Amino acid sequence: MERRVLEIRDMVCGYGGVTALRGISLDVKAGQLVALIGANGAGKSTTLRAISGLVPPRAGQMRFEGIDITGARPPRVLASGIAHCPEGRRVFPHMSVEENLDMGAYLRRGSGEIAADRDRIYTEFPRLAERRRQAAGTLSGGEQQMLAIGRALMSRPRLIMFDEPSLGLAPNIVERTFAIIRGIRDAGTTVLLVEQNAFAALEMCDHAYLLENGRIVLSGAGTELIENEHVRKAYLGG
């Protein structure tokens, strides 16, 4: 039986007077790539922000590797082994590529191990190695996405969350980004993915959840949801 890494039960979240999540429950199992799909405003990004500690839940419980992280602040969540690669990349524009990567490891100790991990990122993303002294804000969108992924990996997460990684990228860069995410899963890191391209997300995931109006209305293997009539009509263009 596969081990549950992340367990969410009856979580309610919102902003001001607006309720974004209305009692969602989901599981993420070790080594899986799990996708959250749904329309804009369905609550997908809010789910990731709640897990990260950026939006405190109003009700419900979250457990990561058996430890209650409900309401935990972002540094504690990161220290527990969860990294968040946010929508829009959110690199530090005036800092260099290398400084951005080092920010991903700011909770870690051991300069030798951090340097070795940085070298691995440069091997995976040679363009970042070429631009290591360059300000992150001057990189292309695709290069910034690679940097955001590399920065998240520098924390050595056991669960990495991606929020709309293909947004605003050229098609060839999107394909490269998806290949990297699959590779992260294949290397043993658990992945939770929010992605506007529902077909691509369902095609590569192990399990998926469909969010509508802050509620999970459907879940199953990605291949099952691709064949679901409602999913096909509403999210896959028929």
Protein backbone atom coordinates (compact mmCIF):
# COMPACT_ATOMS: atom_id res chain seq x y z
CA MET A 1 0.00 0.00 0.00
CA GLU A 2 1.41 3.38 -1.03
CA ARG A 3 2.20 5.77 1.80
CA ARG A 4 0.26 9.03 2.05
CA VAL A 5 2.66 11.96 2.17
CA LEU A 6 0.05 14.73 2.33
CA GLU A 7 -3.43 14.42 3.80
CA ILE A 8 -5.99 17.23 3.69
CA ARG A 9 -9.33 16.84 5.41
CA ASP A 10 -12.34 19.18 5.17
CA MET A 11 -10.22 22.27 4.53
CA VAL A 12 -11.98 25.64 4.28
CA CYS A 13 -10.03 28.72 3.13
CA GLY A 14 -10.87 32.20 1.98
CA TYR A 15 -9.88 35.80 1.48
CA GLY A 16 -11.83 38.38 3.44
CA GLY A 17 -15.50 37.63 2.96
CA VAL A 18 -14.88 35.26 0.03
CA THR A 19 -14.71 31.50 0.63
CA ALA A 20 -12.36 29.92 -1.92
CA LEU A 21 -12.22 26.33 -0.62
CA ARG A 22 -15.36 24.72 0.77
CA GLY A 23 -14.26 21.69 2.72
CA ILE A 24 -11.89 19.88 0.36
CA SER A 25 -10.23 16.56 1.19
CA LEU A 26 -7.41 15.00 -0.80
CA ASP A 27 -4.43 12.68 -0.48
CA VAL A 28 -1.03 12.80 -2.16
CA LYS A 29 0.87 9.50 -2.07
CA ALA A 30 4.64 9.14 -1.94
CA GLY A 31 6.36 9.28 -5.32
CA GLN A 32 3.25 10.26 -7.23
CA LEU A 33 2.57 13.20 -9.52
CA VAL A 34 -0.87 14.49 -8.49
CA ALA A 35 -2.68 17.12 -10.57
CA LEU A 36 -5.32 19.65 -9.56
CA ILE A 37 -7.39 20.81 -12.51
CA GLY A 38 -10.32 23.19 -12.83
CA ALA A 39 -11.36 26.56 -14.17
CA ASN A 40 -9.84 29.87 -13.08
CA GLY A 41 -11.14 30.72 -9.62
CA ALA A 42 -11.94 27.11 -8.72
CA GLY A 43 -9.52 27.16 -5.77
CA LYS A 44 -6.47 25.39 -7.19
CA SER A 45 -3.87 28.05 -6.34
CA THR A 46 -5.53 28.67 -2.98
CA THR A 47 -4.99 24.99 -2.17
CA LEU A 48 -1.25 25.30 -2.77
CA ARG A 49 -1.07 28.58 -0.86
CA ALA A 50 -2.86 27.01 2.09
CA ILE A 51 -0.44 24.06 2.13
CA SER A 52 2.49 26.52 2.02
CA GLY A 53 1.13 28.50 4.96
CA LEU A 54 0.46 31.62 2.90
CA VAL A 55 -3.31 31.40 3.47
CA PRO A 56 -4.32 30.10 6.91
CA PRO A 57 -7.23 27.65 6.72
CA ARG A 58 -10.45 28.56 8.51
CA ALA A 59 -11.28 24.93 9.20
CA GLY A 60 -10.00 21.43 8.51
CA GLN A 61 -6.66 19.71 8.95
CA MET A 62 -3.48 19.16 6.95
CA ARG A 63 -0.87 16.52 7.74
CA PHE A 64 2.49 16.06 6.02
CA GLU A 65 4.30 12.79 6.65
CA GLY A 66 2.04 12.27 9.65
CA ILE A 67 2.77 15.68 11.24
CA ASP A 68 0.00 18.27 11.63
CA ILE A 69 0.93 21.38 9.62
CA THR A 70 -2.48 23.07 9.81
CA GLY A 71 -1.85 26.82 10.10
CA ALA A 72 1.95 26.42 10.09
CA ARG A 73 3.92 29.45 8.92
CA PRO A 74 5.80 29.20 5.57
CA PRO A 75 9.29 28.70 7.07
CA ARG A 76 8.09 25.71 9.10
CA VAL A 77 6.33 24.25 6.05
CA LEU A 78 9.50 24.63 3.97
CA ALA A 79 11.63 23.15 6.75
CA SER A 80 9.28 20.16 6.94
CA GLY A 81 10.09 19.26 3.31
CA ILE A 82 7.53 21.09 1.13
CA ALA A 83 8.66 23.50 -1.61
CA HIS A 84 6.37 25.77 -3.63
CA CYS A 85 7.20 26.87 -7.17
CA PRO A 86 4.70 29.74 -7.52
CA GLU A 87 2.65 31.02 -10.42
CA GLY A 88 4.53 33.69 -12.35
CA ARG A 89 7.96 32.33 -11.29
CA ARG A 90 8.47 35.07 -8.63
CA VAL A 91 12.24 35.15 -8.93
CA PHE A 92 14.09 37.91 -7.10
CA PRO A 93 14.71 40.17 -10.11
CA HIS A 94 17.61 42.25 -8.79
CA MET A 95 19.50 39.27 -7.40
CA SER A 96 21.76 37.10 -9.55
CA VAL A 97 20.83 33.61 -10.71
CA GLU A 98 23.22 32.15 -8.15
CA GLU A 99 21.83 34.29 -5.33
CA ASN A 100 18.31 33.15 -6.24
CA LEU A 101 19.39 29.52 -6.05
CA ASP A 102 21.06 30.10 -2.70
CA MET A 103 17.83 31.63 -1.38
CA GLY A 104 16.22 28.25 -2.00
CA ALA A 105 18.67 26.73 0.49
CA TYR A 106 18.47 29.46 3.13
CA LEU A 107 17.12 27.10 5.81
CA ARG A 108 19.86 24.54 5.17
CA ARG A 109 23.29 24.17 6.75
CA GLY A 110 26.43 22.79 5.17
CA SER A 111 27.98 24.95 2.45
CA GLY A 112 29.59 21.95 0.75
CA GLU A 113 26.31 20.12 0.21
CA ILE A 114 24.60 23.33 -0.91
CA ALA A 115 27.38 23.98 -3.45
CA ALA A 116 27.09 20.39 -4.73
CA ASP A 117 23.33 20.78 -5.17
CA ARG A 118 23.86 24.10 -6.97
CA ASP A 119 26.27 22.37 -9.35
CA ARG A 120 23.62 19.69 -10.02
CA ILE A 121 21.12 22.42 -10.89
CA TYR A 122 23.65 23.96 -13.29
CA THR A 123 24.17 20.55 -14.89
CA GLU A 124 20.41 20.13 -15.33
CA PHE A 125 19.97 23.71 -16.58
CA PRO A 126 23.13 24.75 -18.47
CA ARG A 127 21.59 28.11 -19.40
CA LEU A 128 21.49 28.99 -15.71
CA ALA A 129 25.18 28.11 -15.40
CA GLU A 130 25.95 30.46 -18.28
CA ARG A 131 23.98 33.24 -16.57
CA ARG A 132 24.91 32.57 -12.95
CA ARG A 133 26.11 36.18 -12.40
CA GLN A 134 23.24 37.75 -14.36
CA ALA A 135 20.31 39.50 -12.66
CA ALA A 136 17.33 37.15 -12.64
CA GLY A 137 14.99 39.87 -13.88
CA THR A 138 16.88 40.01 -17.19
CA LEU A 139 16.26 36.33 -18.00
CA SER A 140 13.65 35.15 -20.50
CA GLY A 141 10.39 33.68 -19.22
CA GLY A 142 11.60 30.15 -19.84
CA GLU A 143 14.92 30.80 -18.09
CA GLN A 144 13.08 32.30 -15.11
CA GLN A 145 10.92 29.17 -14.92
CA MET A 146 14.04 26.99 -14.87
CA LEU A 147 15.44 29.21 -12.12
CA ALA A 148 12.23 28.97 -10.08
CA ILE A 149 12.33 25.16 -10.36
CA GLY A 150 16.01 25.07 -9.47
CA ARG A 151 15.45 27.36 -6.48
CA ALA A 152 12.67 25.08 -5.19
CA LEU A 153 14.87 22.00 -5.61
CA MET A 154 17.66 23.64 -3.59
CA SER A 155 15.65 23.05 -0.42
CA ARG A 156 15.80 19.28 -1.09
CA PRO A 157 12.01 18.92 -0.83
CA ARG A 158 10.17 15.65 -0.44
CA LEU A 159 7.07 17.31 -1.91
CA ILE A 160 7.31 20.02 -4.56
CA MET A 161 4.27 22.01 -5.67
CA PHE A 162 4.03 23.68 -9.08
CA ASP A 163 1.47 26.42 -9.72
CA GLU A 164 0.75 26.95 -13.45
CA PRO A 165 4.31 26.21 -14.63
CA SER A 166 3.43 26.56 -18.33
CA LEU A 167 1.80 29.99 -18.01
CA GLY A 168 3.17 32.47 -20.53
CA LEU A 169 5.81 30.15 -21.98
CA ALA A 170 6.47 29.28 -25.62
CA PRO A 171 5.28 25.79 -26.66
CA ASN A 172 8.78 24.31 -26.90
CA ILE A 173 9.63 25.62 -23.43
CA VAL A 174 6.35 24.21 -22.09
CA GLU A 175 7.31 20.74 -23.35
CA ARG A 176 10.73 21.06 -21.70
CA THR A 177 9.13 22.22 -18.43
CA PHE A 178 6.73 19.27 -18.36
CA ALA A 179 9.61 16.88 -19.07
CA ILE A 180 11.53 18.32 -16.12
CA ILE A 181 8.50 17.91 -13.82
CA ARG A 182 8.07 14.29 -14.91
CA GLY A 183 11.78 13.76 -14.29
CA ILE A 184 11.49 15.14 -10.76
CA ARG A 185 8.70 12.64 -10.07
CA ASP A 186 10.64 9.82 -11.67
CA ALA A 187 13.65 10.63 -9.47
CA GLY A 188 11.50 10.01 -6.39
CA THR A 189 10.21 13.43 -5.35
CA THR A 190 6.45 13.69 -4.87
CA VAL A 191 4.79 16.37 -7.03
CA LEU A 192 1.55 18.31 -6.65
CA LEU A 193 0.76 20.17 -9.88
CA VAL A 194 -1.73 22.93 -10.69
CA GLU A 195 -1.82 23.41 -14.46
CA GLN A 196 -4.07 25.30 -16.88
CA ASN A 197 -3.36 22.77 -19.64
CA ALA A 198 -5.71 20.12 -18.29
CA PHE A 199 -4.93 17.54 -20.96
CA ALA A 200 -1.16 17.74 -20.40
CA ALA A 201 -1.62 17.55 -16.63
CA LEU A 202 -3.93 14.53 -16.83
CA GLU A 203 -1.73 12.78 -19.37
CA MET A 204 1.35 12.86 -17.13
CA CYS A 205 -0.15 12.54 -13.64
CA ASP A 206 -0.70 9.43 -11.55
CA HIS A 207 -3.83 10.80 -9.89
CA ALA A 208 -5.95 13.91 -10.39
CA TYR A 209 -8.59 15.96 -8.61
CA LEU A 210 -11.12 18.22 -10.34
CA LEU A 211 -11.98 21.37 -8.40
CA GLU A 212 -15.14 23.32 -9.18
CA ASN A 213 -16.29 26.31 -7.10
CA GLY A 214 -14.06 25.39 -4.20
CA ARG A 215 -15.12 21.75 -4.02
CA ILE A 216 -13.58 18.54 -5.31
CA VAL A 217 -16.18 17.04 -7.62
CA LEU A 218 -14.17 14.23 -9.21
CA SER A 219 -10.96 12.29 -8.64
CA GLY A 220 -9.18 9.34 -10.17
CA ALA A 221 -6.30 8.32 -12.38
CA GLY A 222 -5.41 10.88 -15.03
CA THR A 223 -6.41 8.47 -17.80
CA GLU A 224 -9.83 7.99 -16.16
CA LEU A 225 -10.51 11.72 -16.07
CA ILE A 226 -9.43 12.13 -19.70
CA GLU A 227 -12.18 9.68 -20.64
CA ASN A 228 -14.80 11.31 -18.37
CA GLU A 229 -17.52 13.00 -20.43
CA HIS A 230 -17.87 16.03 -18.16
CA VAL A 231 -14.10 16.61 -18.10
CA ARG A 232 -13.87 16.23 -21.86
CA LYS A 233 -16.65 18.73 -22.54
CA ALA A 234 -15.69 21.30 -19.91
CA TYR A 235 -11.89 21.17 -19.90
CA LEU A 236 -10.58 19.25 -22.91
CA GLY A 237 -12.45 20.95 -25.72
CA GLY A 238 -15.00 18.21 -26.30
